[in-house]
Amino acid sequence: MLVALPIGAFGLAVTSDAVEALTGSRNARATARMALDFGIVTALTAAPFGFVDWAAITPRTRAARVGFWHGAGNLSMLALFTTARLLRRGSETPRASRWFAAAGLALSGVTAWLGGELLNRHGIGVSDRVGENVPSSLAPSAEPRLPAG
């Protein structure tokens, strides 16, 4: 449940960047900075819980691979947003900072889908009947098949 906080904060940061770019609003600039700060802190808070869930997955299963790419993508996303925040030291928001934040938000869409695969298809962290090798939601057979029992 913690992932909703950084995702919302990072979305607010990118939206505030767009408002600042269009209007020059100092309030939007300050909002983007605060949202980045909050998003970074809450992402760092959520990460250990995701790692614990991933570590409990049986190695060499589809769920373990999906979890690896989900975590690697989230670390990359966090690096993009952290870079965006570190570039905002002066009174103006550098264009590069906005691009890093936008790239982070785009990557968050991919990692959110991977997280959804882990949660909804594999049942990781929510079901005792884990289907660690169910096919992707993009596969022709879209219905997950959890083991009986």
N, C-alpha and C. Protein backbone atom coordinates (compact mmCIF):
# COMPACT_ATOMS: atom_id res chain seq x y z
N MET A 1 0.80 -1.20 0.00
CA MET A 1 0.00 0.00 0.00
C MET A 1 0.85 1.27 0.00
N LEU A 2 2.09 1.16 0.43
CA LEU A 2 2.95 2.34 0.49
C LEU A 2 3.28 2.91 -0.89
N VAL A 3 3.19 2.08 -1.93
CA VAL A 3 3.60 2.55 -3.26
C VAL A 3 2.71 3.66 -3.79
N ALA A 4 1.50 3.78 -3.28
CA ALA A 4 0.61 4.85 -3.75
C ALA A 4 1.18 6.23 -3.41
N LEU A 5 1.91 6.33 -2.33
CA LEU A 5 2.45 7.64 -1.91
C LEU A 5 3.50 8.17 -2.89
N PRO A 6 4.57 7.43 -3.19
CA PRO A 6 5.53 7.99 -4.14
C PRO A 6 4.96 8.14 -5.55
N ILE A 7 4.11 7.23 -5.98
CA ILE A 7 3.54 7.35 -7.32
C ILE A 7 2.72 8.64 -7.42
N GLY A 8 1.90 8.90 -6.42
CA GLY A 8 1.12 10.13 -6.43
C GLY A 8 1.99 11.37 -6.35
N ALA A 9 3.01 11.32 -5.50
CA ALA A 9 3.90 12.48 -5.36
C ALA A 9 4.66 12.75 -6.65
N PHE A 10 5.15 11.69 -7.29
CA PHE A 10 5.90 11.90 -8.53
C PHE A 10 4.99 12.41 -9.65
N GLY A 11 3.76 11.92 -9.69
CA GLY A 11 2.80 12.44 -10.66
C GLY A 11 2.50 13.91 -10.42
N LEU A 12 2.36 14.29 -9.14
CA LEU A 12 2.14 15.69 -8.79
C LEU A 12 3.34 16.54 -9.19
N ALA A 13 4.54 16.02 -9.00
CA ALA A 13 5.75 16.78 -9.37
C ALA A 13 5.78 17.07 -10.87
N VAL A 14 5.49 16.06 -11.69
CA VAL A 14 5.52 16.26 -13.14
C VAL A 14 4.39 17.20 -13.57
N THR A 15 3.23 17.06 -12.97
CA THR A 15 2.12 17.98 -13.28
C THR A 15 2.48 19.41 -12.88
N SER A 16 3.10 19.57 -11.73
CA SER A 16 3.51 20.90 -11.28
C SER A 16 4.58 21.48 -12.19
N ASP A 17 5.47 20.63 -12.69
CA ASP A 17 6.47 21.08 -13.67
C ASP A 17 5.79 21.63 -14.91
N ALA A 18 4.76 20.94 -15.38
CA ALA A 18 4.04 21.40 -16.57
C ALA A 18 3.36 22.74 -16.30
N VAL A 19 2.76 22.88 -15.12
CA VAL A 19 2.11 24.15 -14.77
C VAL A 19 3.15 25.26 -14.70
N GLU A 20 4.29 24.97 -14.09
CA GLU A 20 5.35 26.00 -14.01
C GLU A 20 5.85 26.37 -15.41
N ALA A 21 6.05 25.38 -16.26
CA ALA A 21 6.54 25.65 -17.62
C ALA A 21 5.57 26.52 -18.40
N LEU A 22 4.28 26.30 -18.19
CA LEU A 22 3.27 27.06 -18.93
C LEU A 22 2.99 28.44 -18.34
N THR A 23 3.10 28.56 -17.01
CA THR A 23 2.69 29.81 -16.36
C THR A 23 3.82 30.56 -15.66
N GLY A 24 4.92 29.86 -15.39
CA GLY A 24 6.01 30.48 -14.63
C GLY A 24 5.71 30.59 -13.14
N SER A 25 4.71 29.88 -12.68
CA SER A 25 4.26 29.97 -11.29
C SER A 25 5.33 29.49 -10.31
N ARG A 26 5.67 30.36 -9.36
CA ARG A 26 6.61 29.98 -8.29
C ARG A 26 5.98 28.94 -7.36
N ASN A 27 4.67 29.03 -7.17
CA ASN A 27 3.99 28.04 -6.34
C ASN A 27 4.09 26.64 -6.95
N ALA A 28 3.94 26.56 -8.25
CA ALA A 28 4.06 25.26 -8.93
C ALA A 28 5.48 24.74 -8.80
N ARG A 29 6.46 25.60 -8.91
CA ARG A 29 7.87 25.20 -8.75
C ARG A 29 8.11 24.64 -7.34
N ALA A 30 7.59 25.35 -6.33
CA ALA A 30 7.75 24.88 -4.94
C ALA A 30 7.00 23.58 -4.72
N THR A 31 5.83 23.45 -5.31
CA THR A 31 5.05 22.22 -5.17
C THR A 31 5.81 21.04 -5.77
N ALA A 32 6.40 21.23 -6.94
CA ALA A 32 7.16 20.16 -7.59
C ALA A 32 8.34 19.73 -6.72
N ARG A 33 9.04 20.69 -6.14
CA ARG A 33 10.17 20.34 -5.27
C ARG A 33 9.72 19.55 -4.05
N MET A 34 8.66 20.01 -3.41
CA MET A 34 8.16 19.31 -2.22
C MET A 34 7.64 17.92 -2.59
N ALA A 35 6.98 17.82 -3.73
CA ALA A 35 6.46 16.52 -4.16
C ALA A 35 7.61 15.56 -4.46
N LEU A 36 8.67 16.05 -5.07
CA LEU A 36 9.85 15.20 -5.31
C LEU A 36 10.45 14.73 -4.00
N ASP A 37 10.61 15.66 -3.05
CA ASP A 37 11.16 15.28 -1.75
C ASP A 37 10.31 14.20 -1.08
N PHE A 38 9.00 14.42 -1.06
CA PHE A 38 8.09 13.47 -0.43
C PHE A 38 8.12 12.13 -1.17
N GLY A 39 8.12 12.17 -2.50
CA GLY A 39 8.16 10.94 -3.29
C GLY A 39 9.42 10.14 -3.06
N ILE A 40 10.56 10.80 -2.98
CA ILE A 40 11.83 10.10 -2.75
C ILE A 40 11.83 9.44 -1.37
N VAL A 41 11.41 10.17 -0.36
CA VAL A 41 11.39 9.61 1.00
C VAL A 41 10.42 8.44 1.10
N THR A 42 9.23 8.56 0.52
CA THR A 42 8.26 7.47 0.63
C THR A 42 8.65 6.27 -0.25
N ALA A 43 9.34 6.51 -1.36
CA ALA A 43 9.83 5.39 -2.19
C ALA A 43 10.89 4.61 -1.42
N LEU A 44 11.77 5.33 -0.74
CA LEU A 44 12.79 4.66 0.07
C LEU A 44 12.17 3.89 1.24
N THR A 45 11.04 4.39 1.74
CA THR A 45 10.33 3.70 2.81
C THR A 45 9.64 2.43 2.29
N ALA A 46 9.11 2.48 1.08
CA ALA A 46 8.39 1.34 0.52
C ALA A 46 9.33 0.25 0.01
N ALA A 47 10.52 0.61 -0.42
CA ALA A 47 11.44 -0.34 -1.05
C ALA A 47 11.75 -1.58 -0.22
N PRO A 48 12.06 -1.46 1.06
CA PRO A 48 12.37 -2.68 1.82
C PRO A 48 11.22 -3.70 1.86
N PHE A 49 9.99 -3.21 1.88
CA PHE A 49 8.85 -4.12 1.89
C PHE A 49 8.75 -4.89 0.58
N GLY A 50 9.03 -4.20 -0.53
CA GLY A 50 9.05 -4.88 -1.82
C GLY A 50 10.17 -5.89 -1.90
N PHE A 51 11.32 -5.55 -1.34
CA PHE A 51 12.45 -6.49 -1.35
C PHE A 51 12.11 -7.75 -0.55
N VAL A 52 11.47 -7.58 0.60
CA VAL A 52 11.08 -8.74 1.42
C VAL A 52 10.12 -9.64 0.64
N ASP A 53 9.13 -9.05 -0.04
CA ASP A 53 8.21 -9.85 -0.85
C ASP A 53 8.96 -10.59 -1.96
N TRP A 54 9.87 -9.91 -2.63
CA TRP A 54 10.62 -10.52 -3.73
C TRP A 54 11.52 -11.65 -3.21
N ALA A 55 12.15 -11.45 -2.07
CA ALA A 55 13.05 -12.46 -1.52
C ALA A 55 12.31 -13.75 -1.15
N ALA A 56 11.01 -13.66 -0.91
CA ALA A 56 10.23 -14.84 -0.54
C ALA A 56 9.75 -15.64 -1.75
N ILE A 57 9.97 -15.13 -2.96
CA ILE A 57 9.53 -15.82 -4.17
C ILE A 57 10.52 -16.95 -4.49
N THR A 58 9.99 -18.07 -4.94
CA THR A 58 10.84 -19.18 -5.34
C THR A 58 11.75 -18.74 -6.49
N PRO A 59 13.07 -18.97 -6.35
CA PRO A 59 14.00 -18.58 -7.43
C PRO A 59 13.68 -19.30 -8.75
N ARG A 60 14.09 -18.70 -9.83
CA ARG A 60 13.96 -19.24 -11.18
C ARG A 60 12.51 -19.50 -11.60
N THR A 61 11.61 -18.66 -11.12
CA THR A 61 10.22 -18.71 -11.55
C THR A 61 9.92 -17.44 -12.33
N ARG A 62 8.81 -17.43 -13.05
CA ARG A 62 8.43 -16.23 -13.78
C ARG A 62 8.22 -15.07 -12.81
N ALA A 63 7.63 -15.35 -11.67
CA ALA A 63 7.39 -14.29 -10.68
C ALA A 63 8.71 -13.69 -10.19
N ALA A 64 9.73 -14.51 -10.01
CA ALA A 64 11.03 -13.99 -9.57
C ALA A 64 11.63 -13.08 -10.64
N ARG A 65 11.49 -13.46 -11.91
CA ARG A 65 12.01 -12.61 -13.00
C ARG A 65 11.24 -11.29 -13.08
N VAL A 66 9.92 -11.39 -13.01
CA VAL A 66 9.10 -10.17 -13.06
C VAL A 66 9.45 -9.28 -11.86
N GLY A 67 9.60 -9.89 -10.69
CA GLY A 67 9.96 -9.12 -9.50
C GLY A 67 11.31 -8.45 -9.63
N PHE A 68 12.28 -9.15 -10.24
CA PHE A 68 13.59 -8.55 -10.44
C PHE A 68 13.48 -7.30 -11.31
N TRP A 69 12.77 -7.42 -12.43
CA TRP A 69 12.66 -6.26 -13.34
C TRP A 69 11.81 -5.15 -12.73
N HIS A 70 10.83 -5.51 -11.93
CA HIS A 70 10.03 -4.52 -11.21
C HIS A 70 10.93 -3.72 -10.26
N GLY A 71 11.74 -4.43 -9.48
CA GLY A 71 12.65 -3.75 -8.54
C GLY A 71 13.72 -2.94 -9.24
N ALA A 72 14.33 -3.50 -10.28
CA ALA A 72 15.37 -2.77 -11.02
C ALA A 72 14.78 -1.52 -11.67
N GLY A 73 13.57 -1.65 -12.20
CA GLY A 73 12.91 -0.48 -12.79
C GLY A 73 12.60 0.58 -11.76
N ASN A 74 12.16 0.14 -10.57
CA ASN A 74 11.86 1.10 -9.51
C ASN A 74 13.12 1.81 -9.02
N LEU A 75 14.23 1.09 -8.92
CA LEU A 75 15.49 1.75 -8.55
C LEU A 75 15.92 2.75 -9.60
N SER A 76 15.75 2.40 -10.87
CA SER A 76 16.07 3.32 -11.95
C SER A 76 15.17 4.54 -11.92
N MET A 77 13.88 4.31 -11.68
CA MET A 77 12.92 5.41 -11.57
C MET A 77 13.31 6.34 -10.42
N LEU A 78 13.67 5.75 -9.29
CA LEU A 78 14.08 6.56 -8.15
C LEU A 78 15.32 7.38 -8.48
N ALA A 79 16.25 6.79 -9.21
CA ALA A 79 17.45 7.52 -9.62
C ALA A 79 17.09 8.70 -10.54
N LEU A 80 16.14 8.50 -11.45
CA LEU A 80 15.72 9.59 -12.33
C LEU A 80 15.09 10.74 -11.54
N PHE A 81 14.19 10.40 -10.62
CA PHE A 81 13.55 11.45 -9.82
C PHE A 81 14.54 12.13 -8.87
N THR A 82 15.47 11.37 -8.32
CA THR A 82 16.49 11.97 -7.45
C THR A 82 17.37 12.92 -8.24
N THR A 83 17.74 12.53 -9.45
CA THR A 83 18.53 13.41 -10.31
C THR A 83 17.74 14.68 -10.62
N ALA A 84 16.46 14.51 -10.93
CA ALA A 84 15.60 15.67 -11.20
C ALA A 84 15.58 16.62 -10.01
N ARG A 85 15.53 16.07 -8.81
CA ARG A 85 15.49 16.92 -7.61
C ARG A 85 16.83 17.60 -7.37
N LEU A 86 17.93 16.87 -7.55
CA LEU A 86 19.26 17.44 -7.31
C LEU A 86 19.59 18.56 -8.28
N LEU A 87 19.01 18.53 -9.47
CA LEU A 87 19.25 19.59 -10.45
C LEU A 87 18.52 20.89 -10.11
N ARG A 88 17.60 20.83 -9.16
CA ARG A 88 16.78 22.00 -8.80
C ARG A 88 17.37 22.75 -7.62
N ARG A 89 18.54 23.26 -7.76
CA ARG A 89 19.18 23.97 -6.63
C ARG A 89 18.93 25.47 -6.68
N GLY A 90 18.80 26.03 -7.84
CA GLY A 90 18.62 27.48 -7.96
C GLY A 90 17.16 27.88 -7.92
N SER A 91 16.91 29.11 -8.34
CA SER A 91 15.54 29.63 -8.31
C SER A 91 14.73 29.20 -9.53
N GLU A 92 15.38 28.67 -10.55
CA GLU A 92 14.69 28.20 -11.75
C GLU A 92 14.76 26.68 -11.82
N THR A 93 13.81 26.10 -12.55
CA THR A 93 13.83 24.65 -12.77
C THR A 93 14.50 24.39 -14.12
N PRO A 94 15.67 23.77 -14.12
CA PRO A 94 16.33 23.48 -15.40
C PRO A 94 15.49 22.53 -16.26
N ARG A 95 15.55 22.73 -17.55
CA ARG A 95 14.81 21.88 -18.48
C ARG A 95 15.19 20.41 -18.30
N ALA A 96 16.49 20.15 -18.09
CA ALA A 96 16.94 18.76 -17.90
C ALA A 96 16.24 18.11 -16.72
N SER A 97 16.00 18.88 -15.66
CA SER A 97 15.33 18.34 -14.49
C SER A 97 13.92 17.88 -14.84
N ARG A 98 13.24 18.67 -15.65
CA ARG A 98 11.89 18.30 -16.07
C ARG A 98 11.91 17.02 -16.91
N TRP A 99 12.92 16.89 -17.75
CA TRP A 99 13.03 15.69 -18.60
C TRP A 99 13.32 14.45 -17.75
N PHE A 100 14.19 14.59 -16.76
CA PHE A 100 14.46 13.45 -15.87
C PHE A 100 13.19 13.03 -15.14
N ALA A 101 12.43 14.01 -14.65
CA ALA A 101 11.19 13.69 -13.94
C ALA A 101 10.17 13.05 -14.87
N ALA A 102 10.05 13.56 -16.09
CA ALA A 102 9.11 12.97 -17.05
C ALA A 102 9.52 11.54 -17.41
N ALA A 103 10.81 11.31 -17.57
CA ALA A 103 11.29 9.94 -17.86
C ALA A 103 10.99 9.02 -16.68
N GLY A 104 11.17 9.53 -15.46
CA GLY A 104 10.85 8.74 -14.27
C GLY A 104 9.38 8.38 -14.22
N LEU A 105 8.52 9.31 -14.59
CA LEU A 105 7.08 9.03 -14.57
C LEU A 105 6.72 8.01 -15.65
N ALA A 106 7.34 8.11 -16.82
CA ALA A 106 7.09 7.13 -17.88
C ALA A 106 7.52 5.73 -17.42
N LEU A 107 8.70 5.66 -16.81
CA LEU A 107 9.19 4.38 -16.31
C LEU A 107 8.28 3.84 -15.21
N SER A 108 7.69 4.73 -14.42
CA SER A 108 6.80 4.27 -13.35
C SER A 108 5.59 3.54 -13.91
N GLY A 109 5.16 3.89 -15.11
CA GLY A 109 4.06 3.17 -15.74
C GLY A 109 4.42 1.72 -16.02
N VAL A 110 5.65 1.51 -16.48
CA VAL A 110 6.12 0.15 -16.75
C VAL A 110 6.26 -0.64 -15.46
N THR A 111 6.87 -0.03 -14.46
CA THR A 111 7.08 -0.75 -13.20
C THR A 111 5.76 -0.99 -12.47
N ALA A 112 4.80 -0.09 -12.63
CA ALA A 112 3.48 -0.30 -12.03
C ALA A 112 2.79 -1.50 -12.68
N TRP A 113 2.92 -1.63 -14.00
CA TRP A 113 2.33 -2.79 -14.67
C TRP A 113 2.99 -4.08 -14.17
N LEU A 114 4.33 -4.07 -14.04
CA LEU A 114 5.02 -5.25 -13.52
C LEU A 114 4.57 -5.57 -12.09
N GLY A 115 4.40 -4.55 -11.29
CA GLY A 115 3.89 -4.75 -9.93
C GLY A 115 2.49 -5.33 -9.94
N GLY A 116 1.68 -4.88 -10.88
CA GLY A 116 0.33 -5.44 -11.03
C GLY A 116 0.37 -6.91 -11.43
N GLU A 117 1.31 -7.27 -12.28
CA GLU A 117 1.49 -8.68 -12.63
C GLU A 117 1.80 -9.50 -11.37
N LEU A 118 2.73 -8.98 -10.56
CA LEU A 118 3.11 -9.71 -9.35
C LEU A 118 1.93 -9.87 -8.40
N LEU A 119 1.19 -8.83 -8.23
CA LEU A 119 0.08 -8.83 -7.29
C LEU A 119 -1.13 -9.59 -7.82
N ASN A 120 -1.60 -9.20 -9.00
CA ASN A 120 -2.86 -9.73 -9.51
C ASN A 120 -2.75 -11.08 -10.20
N ARG A 121 -1.65 -11.36 -10.87
CA ARG A 121 -1.52 -12.62 -11.60
C ARG A 121 -0.82 -13.69 -10.76
N HIS A 122 0.21 -13.26 -10.03
CA HIS A 122 0.99 -14.23 -9.27
C HIS A 122 0.55 -14.32 -7.80
N GLY A 123 -0.17 -13.33 -7.31
CA GLY A 123 -0.62 -13.34 -5.93
C GLY A 123 0.48 -13.07 -4.93
N ILE A 124 1.59 -12.51 -5.38
CA ILE A 124 2.73 -12.26 -4.48
C ILE A 124 2.33 -11.26 -3.40
N GLY A 125 2.57 -11.64 -2.17
CA GLY A 125 2.29 -10.76 -1.04
C GLY A 125 0.84 -10.74 -0.59
N VAL A 126 -0.05 -11.43 -1.31
CA VAL A 126 -1.46 -11.37 -0.94
C VAL A 126 -2.15 -12.72 -0.89
N SER A 127 -1.54 -13.76 -1.42
CA SER A 127 -2.22 -15.05 -1.52
C SER A 127 -1.29 -16.17 -1.10
N ASP A 128 -1.82 -17.10 -0.32
CA ASP A 128 -1.06 -18.29 0.01
C ASP A 128 -0.99 -19.24 -1.18
N ARG A 129 -1.90 -19.08 -2.11
CA ARG A 129 -1.92 -19.92 -3.31
C ARG A 129 -1.21 -19.19 -4.44
N VAL A 130 0.07 -19.03 -4.30
CA VAL A 130 0.86 -18.25 -5.25
C VAL A 130 1.04 -19.04 -6.54
N GLY A 131 0.84 -18.38 -7.65
CA GLY A 131 1.07 -18.97 -8.96
C GLY A 131 2.32 -18.35 -9.55
N GLU A 132 3.46 -18.84 -9.15
CA GLU A 132 4.72 -18.19 -9.52
C GLU A 132 5.09 -18.34 -10.99
N ASN A 133 4.43 -19.23 -11.71
CA ASN A 133 4.75 -19.41 -13.11
C ASN A 133 3.56 -19.20 -14.04
N VAL A 134 2.54 -18.46 -13.60
CA VAL A 134 1.42 -18.17 -14.49
C VAL A 134 1.92 -17.30 -15.63
N PRO A 135 1.27 -17.38 -16.80
CA PRO A 135 1.72 -16.59 -17.95
C PRO A 135 1.44 -15.10 -17.75
N SER A 136 2.07 -14.30 -18.57
CA SER A 136 1.87 -12.85 -18.57
C SER A 136 0.43 -12.51 -18.90
N SER A 137 -0.01 -11.36 -18.43
CA SER A 137 -1.35 -10.90 -18.79
C SER A 137 -1.43 -10.56 -20.27
N LEU A 138 -0.29 -10.46 -20.93
CA LEU A 138 -0.26 -10.19 -22.36
C LEU A 138 -0.30 -11.48 -23.18
N ALA A 139 -0.20 -12.63 -22.51
CA ALA A 139 -0.23 -13.92 -23.20
C ALA A 139 -1.65 -14.20 -23.71
N PRO A 140 -1.79 -15.04 -24.74
CA PRO A 140 -3.13 -15.35 -25.27
C PRO A 140 -4.09 -15.86 -24.21
N SER A 141 -3.61 -16.64 -23.26
CA SER A 141 -4.45 -17.13 -22.17
C SER A 141 -4.32 -16.16 -21.01
N ALA A 142 -5.23 -15.20 -20.92
CA ALA A 142 -5.09 -14.12 -19.95
C ALA A 142 -5.58 -14.47 -18.55
N GLU A 143 -6.27 -15.57 -18.37
CA GLU A 143 -6.76 -15.94 -17.05
C GLU A 143 -5.65 -16.59 -16.23
N PRO A 144 -5.37 -16.07 -15.05
CA PRO A 144 -4.36 -16.73 -14.20
C PRO A 144 -4.85 -18.08 -13.74
N ARG A 145 -3.92 -19.00 -13.61
CA ARG A 145 -4.27 -20.34 -13.13
C ARG A 145 -3.46 -20.64 -11.90
N LEU A 146 -4.01 -20.29 -10.76
CA LEU A 146 -3.34 -20.56 -9.50
C LEU A 146 -3.45 -22.06 -9.18
N PRO A 147 -2.44 -22.60 -8.51
CA PRO A 147 -2.49 -24.02 -8.17
C PRO A 147 -3.69 -24.33 -7.26
N ALA A 148 -4.23 -25.51 -7.41
CA ALA A 148 -5.36 -25.93 -6.57
C ALA A 148 -4.89 -26.16 -5.15
N GLY A 149 -5.76 -25.94 -4.22
CA GLY A 149 -5.39 -26.27 -2.83
C GLY A 149 -5.62 -25.16 -1.97
